[in-house]
Each structure stands twice: as C-alpha cells, then as structure tokens.
Amino acid sequence: MSTASSPHLDVATPERVALTLPVAGIGYRCLAWLVDASLLFFFWIVAYFVFTLLVSDVLGVFQGLSGLGQTLLVVGVFATQWLYWTLAEVFFHGQTAGKRMLGIRVVRMDGSPVGLYESAVRNLCRAVDFLPMAYAAGCICMLLTRQHRRLGDLLAGTLLVREERIDLDKYTAAPAPSAVPPAAGDTRALTSEEVELVLAFLARAPGLSADVRQRLGARLVDRVGGLSGGEREAVLASPERLEAFLRARARAEG
C-alpha cells in the first residue's frame, strides 16, 4: 500500500531530509495495550498475593475503610497505572513494554520525542477513552480520525508511529571497486548516492546506540574523504565534530 493512501506523518529535518513515518493503526495499538494490560494485571495479582500474606481478610479491610479511604485507594490504583504508562513513555523514548514489542512509539506531531507533559495528558485521558467500557470512546475516535488518534492523543498533540527497520549494511557496505578512495586533502564533489547516505545517517543518528553511531559515522567520513590522517582523528574525536563535518560536506553539494 502506498504512503499516499496510508496514514502517515511527514517530518522535515534540518538536514533537508523528508521523512515519512507510518502511523500505527488500531490493530497495533490494541495488541500493544493487551501486552501492557497483561503486565499490569500480573503486577496486581502479585501485589494482592503479597497483601493476603499480611492480612487474612482483604475484602473486610476494604469494607472497613471510610468512604474517603476507599476513594483514595481507588485513585491510588489508577495513579499507579497512570505512572506506568507515563514514566515508561518518557524514559523509554515513547515506548512501553507493549509498544516496544509491537514496534511502535508515541511522538509529538512534529515527529520529536514525547515529553512528560504530553505523556501525562494522553495517559490521564485513558479514563475518558475507556468509557463506557473496553476503550469504546477511544476506539471510535481512532476510527474517525485519519491518523488513528484517540481523545488523549488529540488533547496532548501526539500520535503513534511504526518503527522502520534501518538497514545498517547500507552504511557499512564498501564502495564499488570503480570508486577510488580520495587522497588526503581531496575535496571532490560527492555523488548523489553519497549525499543521500550522509543525510539519511544524520537524520537517524539520534536513534542509534553510541557505538553504532560512532562506527557508522567513521565509515562515512572515510567514504566522503577529504581529510588527512591528523584531520581525520580530530573529526572523530567527538560525535558532534563527526556529524558537523558530514553535515558540512552534504550542504556543500546543495
């Protein structure tokens, strides 16, 4: 199915790369929720078992609480689940365990990582999306919006996108035999393929681990050339210098 007809998010990066992020549909979202809900259910089963070891009559203790105490207990249960969704999305780059398993993540509408405010709002609205039962309001909203956003997403300015597999071999593959490595100090023009590789790497670098980011960046520096031995070491001294050099080489071809 083409991206023109499929729900997607178009993001323009500072490196002149237009990224199209496929939006996660209702099926992905439901499966991810089932995984997270199962983990939370297992957590409460274990918590209940531990509590029964301390108190013999759990139901009696609950009924013995005042109306305020029972209300606070229910709110506490909801707050615990709200903290799970919110903190997981903030600290794990928009992913809970279920989202990670399904390969989806929460982002802002500009494609940037979700923040504490957005995650807190969208997960606080789960209580509304759940009404009247089984996330009926949220599912109806997802079916009526083109990018499958529930009420919490609309209020928080977020949506869920599917992660695309990155072909790392594309960056590490050796140049074609006909391509002669440039000599030190050579400032030859880059080919369109090399510019594309550099820009794609710069766009995806923040999502790579530090060692992979450095290794792929070093290979691209060697490929685009134009550095002597001492200059190369200076460029590779930090990720910032490495990526600034690659950005400058790509912009020079603009």
Protein backbone atom coordinates (compact mmCIF):
# COMPACT_ATOMS: atom_id res chain seq x y z
CA MET A 1 0.00 0.00 0.00
CA SER A 2 1.44 3.40 -0.89
CA THR A 3 2.27 6.01 1.70
CA ALA A 4 0.00 8.43 -0.13
CA SER A 5 -3.10 6.42 0.83
CA SER A 6 -1.81 5.02 4.13
CA PRO A 7 -1.95 7.17 7.27
CA HIS A 8 1.48 8.70 7.80
CA LEU A 9 3.33 11.64 9.33
CA ASP A 10 5.61 13.78 7.17
CA VAL A 11 8.60 15.27 9.02
CA ALA A 12 11.15 17.70 7.56
CA THR A 13 14.56 17.54 9.28
CA PRO A 14 17.18 20.34 9.40
CA GLU A 15 19.37 18.22 7.11
CA ARG A 16 16.87 18.60 4.23
CA VAL A 17 15.63 15.03 4.63
CA ALA A 18 11.88 14.48 4.33
CA LEU A 19 10.91 11.52 6.47
CA THR A 20 7.61 9.73 6.16
CA LEU A 21 6.67 7.89 9.35
CA PRO A 22 3.91 5.26 9.01
CA VAL A 23 1.17 5.70 11.62
CA ALA A 24 0.30 2.78 13.88
CA GLY A 25 -3.22 1.56 13.21
CA ILE A 26 -5.85 0.46 15.70
CA GLY A 27 -4.70 -3.17 15.46
CA TYR A 28 -1.14 -2.36 16.53
CA ARG A 29 -2.43 -0.18 19.34
CA CYS A 30 -4.85 -2.79 20.66
CA LEU A 31 -2.21 -5.52 20.69
CA ALA A 32 0.27 -3.25 22.47
CA TRP A 33 -2.38 -2.35 25.05
CA LEU A 34 -3.14 -6.03 25.66
CA VAL A 35 0.54 -6.69 26.41
CA ASP A 36 0.75 -3.76 28.83
CA ALA A 37 -2.59 -4.60 30.43
CA SER A 38 -1.43 -8.19 30.97
CA LEU A 39 1.74 -6.94 32.70
CA LEU A 40 -0.30 -4.64 34.93
CA PHE A 41 -2.76 -7.45 35.70
CA PHE A 42 0.11 -9.74 36.67
CA PHE A 43 1.53 -6.96 38.88
CA TRP A 44 -1.77 -6.56 40.75
CA ILE A 45 -2.13 -10.34 41.18
CA VAL A 46 1.31 -10.47 42.79
CA ALA A 47 0.50 -7.41 44.93
CA TYR A 48 -2.76 -9.00 46.07
CA PHE A 49 -0.99 -12.25 46.93
CA VAL A 50 1.61 -10.41 49.00
CA PHE A 51 -1.13 -8.43 50.77
CA THR A 52 -3.01 -11.63 51.66
CA LEU A 53 0.12 -12.84 53.44
CA LEU A 54 -0.09 -9.80 55.69
CA VAL A 55 -3.88 -9.53 56.04
CA SER A 56 -6.21 -12.54 56.13
CA ASP A 57 -9.44 -10.73 55.20
CA VAL A 58 -8.60 -8.35 52.36
CA LEU A 59 -12.24 -7.64 51.45
CA GLY A 60 -13.07 -6.96 55.08
CA VAL A 61 -10.25 -4.44 55.35
CA PHE A 62 -11.50 -2.62 52.25
CA GLN A 63 -15.10 -2.55 53.52
CA GLY A 64 -13.86 -1.30 56.87
CA LEU A 65 -12.36 1.80 55.28
CA SER A 66 -14.27 5.05 55.31
CA GLY A 67 -15.74 6.41 52.11
CA LEU A 68 -12.77 8.73 51.76
CA GLY A 69 -10.35 5.88 52.34
CA GLN A 70 -11.99 3.71 49.69
CA THR A 71 -11.93 6.61 47.22
CA LEU A 72 -8.25 7.26 47.89
CA LEU A 73 -7.48 3.57 47.39
CA VAL A 74 -9.23 3.51 44.00
CA VAL A 75 -7.46 6.72 42.96
CA GLY A 76 -4.17 5.19 44.08
CA VAL A 77 -4.73 2.14 41.89
CA PHE A 78 -5.44 4.40 38.89
CA ALA A 79 -2.42 6.59 39.70
CA THR A 80 -0.15 3.54 39.78
CA GLN A 81 -1.26 2.50 36.31
CA TRP A 82 -1.03 6.10 35.06
CA LEU A 83 2.56 6.30 36.32
CA TYR A 84 3.43 3.07 34.49
CA TRP A 85 2.23 4.38 31.12
CA THR A 86 3.64 7.87 31.60
CA LEU A 87 7.07 7.08 33.01
CA ALA A 88 7.65 4.26 30.51
CA GLU A 89 6.89 6.56 27.57
CA VAL A 90 9.07 9.37 28.92
CA PHE A 91 12.12 7.34 29.93
CA PHE A 92 11.98 4.78 27.09
CA HIS A 93 11.52 7.23 24.22
CA GLY A 94 7.78 6.87 23.75
CA GLN A 95 7.57 3.12 24.34
CA THR A 96 6.01 0.91 26.96
CA ALA A 97 6.74 -2.81 27.01
CA GLY A 98 3.78 -3.46 24.72
CA LYS A 99 4.70 -0.71 22.28
CA ARG A 100 8.28 -1.94 22.13
CA MET A 101 7.12 -5.49 21.39
CA LEU A 102 4.86 -4.25 18.56
CA GLY A 103 7.48 -1.83 17.20
CA ILE A 104 5.51 1.39 17.73
CA ARG A 105 6.16 4.54 19.73
CA VAL A 106 4.49 7.80 20.80
CA VAL A 107 5.79 11.02 19.22
CA ARG A 108 4.73 14.64 19.02
CA MET A 109 3.01 15.85 15.86
CA ASP A 110 6.32 17.19 14.56
CA GLY A 111 7.94 13.77 14.97
CA SER A 112 10.01 14.76 18.02
CA PRO A 113 10.17 12.56 21.16
CA VAL A 114 7.21 12.79 23.51
CA GLY A 115 7.76 14.79 26.72
CA LEU A 116 6.46 14.49 30.27
CA TYR A 117 3.57 16.89 29.71
CA GLU A 118 2.28 15.18 26.55
CA SER A 119 2.60 11.71 28.03
CA ALA A 120 0.92 12.73 31.28
CA VAL A 121 -2.03 14.30 29.46
CA ARG A 122 -2.61 11.45 27.00
CA ASN A 123 -2.47 8.82 29.73
CA LEU A 124 -4.65 10.80 32.12
CA CYS A 125 -7.29 10.79 29.38
CA ARG A 126 -7.34 6.99 29.34
CA ALA A 127 -10.17 7.17 31.87
CA VAL A 128 -12.27 9.07 29.30
CA ASP A 129 -11.18 6.93 26.35
CA PHE A 130 -12.20 3.81 28.29
CA LEU A 131 -15.85 4.95 28.59
CA PRO A 132 -18.38 3.45 28.64
CA MET A 133 -16.31 0.26 28.67
CA ALA A 134 -13.42 -1.50 26.90
CA TYR A 135 -12.00 1.73 25.41
CA ALA A 136 -15.13 2.23 23.31
CA ALA A 137 -14.76 6.03 23.14
CA GLY A 138 -11.06 5.76 22.24
CA CYS A 139 -11.66 3.15 19.53
CA ILE A 140 -14.45 5.18 17.93
CA CYS A 141 -12.21 8.25 17.93
CA MET A 142 -9.38 6.29 16.31
CA LEU A 143 -11.70 5.02 13.60
CA LEU A 144 -12.96 8.54 12.85
CA THR A 145 -9.55 10.24 12.70
CA ARG A 146 -7.25 9.72 9.71
CA GLN A 147 -4.13 9.16 11.82
CA HIS A 148 -5.88 6.84 14.31
CA ARG A 149 -5.61 9.22 17.27
CA ARG A 150 -7.68 8.70 20.40
CA LEU A 151 -9.01 11.55 22.56
CA GLY A 152 -5.85 11.57 24.68
CA ASP A 153 -3.70 11.97 21.57
CA LEU A 154 -5.85 14.83 20.28
CA LEU A 155 -5.56 16.73 23.57
CA ALA A 156 -1.84 16.04 24.02
CA GLY A 157 -0.82 16.62 20.40
CA THR A 158 0.64 13.13 19.97
CA LEU A 159 0.26 10.09 17.76
CA LEU A 160 1.72 6.60 17.46
CA VAL A 161 4.05 5.69 14.62
CA ARG A 162 5.52 2.40 13.49
CA GLU A 163 9.28 1.98 13.64
CA GLU A 164 11.04 1.15 10.40
CA ARG A 165 13.93 -1.25 10.27
CA ILE A 166 17.21 0.51 9.44
CA ASP A 167 19.45 -1.31 7.02
CA LEU A 168 22.84 -0.80 8.68
CA ASP A 169 24.60 -2.62 5.82
CA LYS A 170 23.68 0.30 3.60
CA TYR A 171 26.09 2.47 5.56
CA THR A 172 28.87 -0.04 6.08
CA ALA A 173 28.99 -1.53 2.60
CA ALA A 174 32.30 -0.99 0.86
CA PRO A 175 32.34 1.38 -2.15
CA ALA A 176 32.16 -0.12 -5.61
CA PRO A 177 35.51 -1.29 -7.00
CA SER A 178 35.47 1.54 -9.53
CA ALA A 179 35.28 4.13 -6.79
CA VAL A 180 38.84 5.10 -5.89
CA PRO A 181 39.25 6.40 -2.32
CA PRO A 182 40.04 10.12 -2.38
CA ALA A 183 43.52 11.23 -1.47
CA ALA A 184 44.24 13.32 1.59
CA GLY A 185 43.11 16.87 1.05
CA ASP A 186 40.91 15.91 -1.93
CA THR A 187 37.67 17.90 -1.89
CA ARG A 188 35.93 16.10 -4.74
CA ALA A 189 32.19 16.53 -5.20
CA LEU A 190 30.07 13.85 -3.59
CA THR A 191 27.83 11.67 -5.69
CA SER A 192 24.07 11.87 -5.20
CA GLU A 193 24.17 8.45 -3.55
CA GLU A 194 26.80 9.62 -1.06
CA VAL A 195 24.82 12.76 -0.22
CA GLU A 196 21.74 10.62 0.34
CA LEU A 197 23.65 8.28 2.65
CA VAL A 198 25.08 11.16 4.68
CA LEU A 199 21.73 12.91 5.07
CA ALA A 200 19.94 9.67 5.96
CA PHE A 201 22.60 8.89 8.58
CA LEU A 202 22.33 12.37 10.13
CA ALA A 203 18.55 12.05 10.31
CA ARG A 204 18.66 8.66 12.01
CA ALA A 205 21.79 9.09 14.15
CA PRO A 206 19.92 10.20 17.32
CA GLY A 207 18.07 6.89 17.36
CA LEU A 208 21.23 4.74 17.15
CA SER A 209 23.30 3.48 20.06
CA ALA A 210 26.52 5.40 20.76
CA ASP A 211 28.89 2.72 19.43
CA VAL A 212 26.89 2.10 16.26
CA ARG A 213 26.54 5.85 15.72
CA GLN A 214 30.30 6.36 16.00
CA ARG A 215 31.20 3.35 13.85
CA LEU A 216 28.84 4.26 11.02
CA GLY A 217 29.86 7.91 11.18
CA ALA A 218 33.55 6.99 10.93
CA ARG A 219 32.88 4.82 7.87
CA LEU A 220 31.01 7.67 6.20
CA VAL A 221 33.86 10.08 6.99
CA ASP A 222 36.27 7.71 5.29
CA ARG A 223 33.92 7.31 2.35
CA VAL A 224 33.36 11.01 1.62
CA GLY A 225 37.09 11.66 2.12
CA GLY A 226 38.87 14.98 2.04
CA LEU A 227 40.82 14.51 5.30
CA SER A 228 44.43 13.85 6.16
CA GLY A 229 45.35 11.49 8.97
CA GLY A 230 45.55 14.21 11.61
CA GLU A 231 42.35 15.89 10.40
CA ARG A 232 40.51 12.59 10.49
CA GLU A 233 41.48 11.99 14.12
CA ALA A 234 40.28 15.49 15.04
CA VAL A 235 36.93 14.93 13.32
CA LEU A 236 36.43 11.55 15.00
CA ALA A 237 37.26 12.99 18.44
CA SER A 238 33.57 13.53 19.26
CA PRO A 239 30.17 12.70 17.72
CA GLU A 240 29.42 16.41 17.43
CA ARG A 241 32.54 17.10 15.31
CA LEU A 242 31.97 14.00 13.21
CA GLU A 243 28.38 14.86 12.37
CA ALA A 244 29.19 18.55 11.86
CA PHE A 245 31.80 17.53 9.27
CA LEU A 246 29.33 15.23 7.47
CA ARG A 247 26.66 17.94 7.55
CA ALA A 248 29.04 20.46 6.06
CA ARG A 249 30.11 18.04 3.29
CA ALA A 250 26.47 17.36 2.37
CA ARG A 251 25.50 21.03 2.41
CA ALA A 252 28.41 21.88 0.16
CA GLU A 253 26.65 19.89 -2.56
CA GLY A 254 23.37 21.76 -2.11
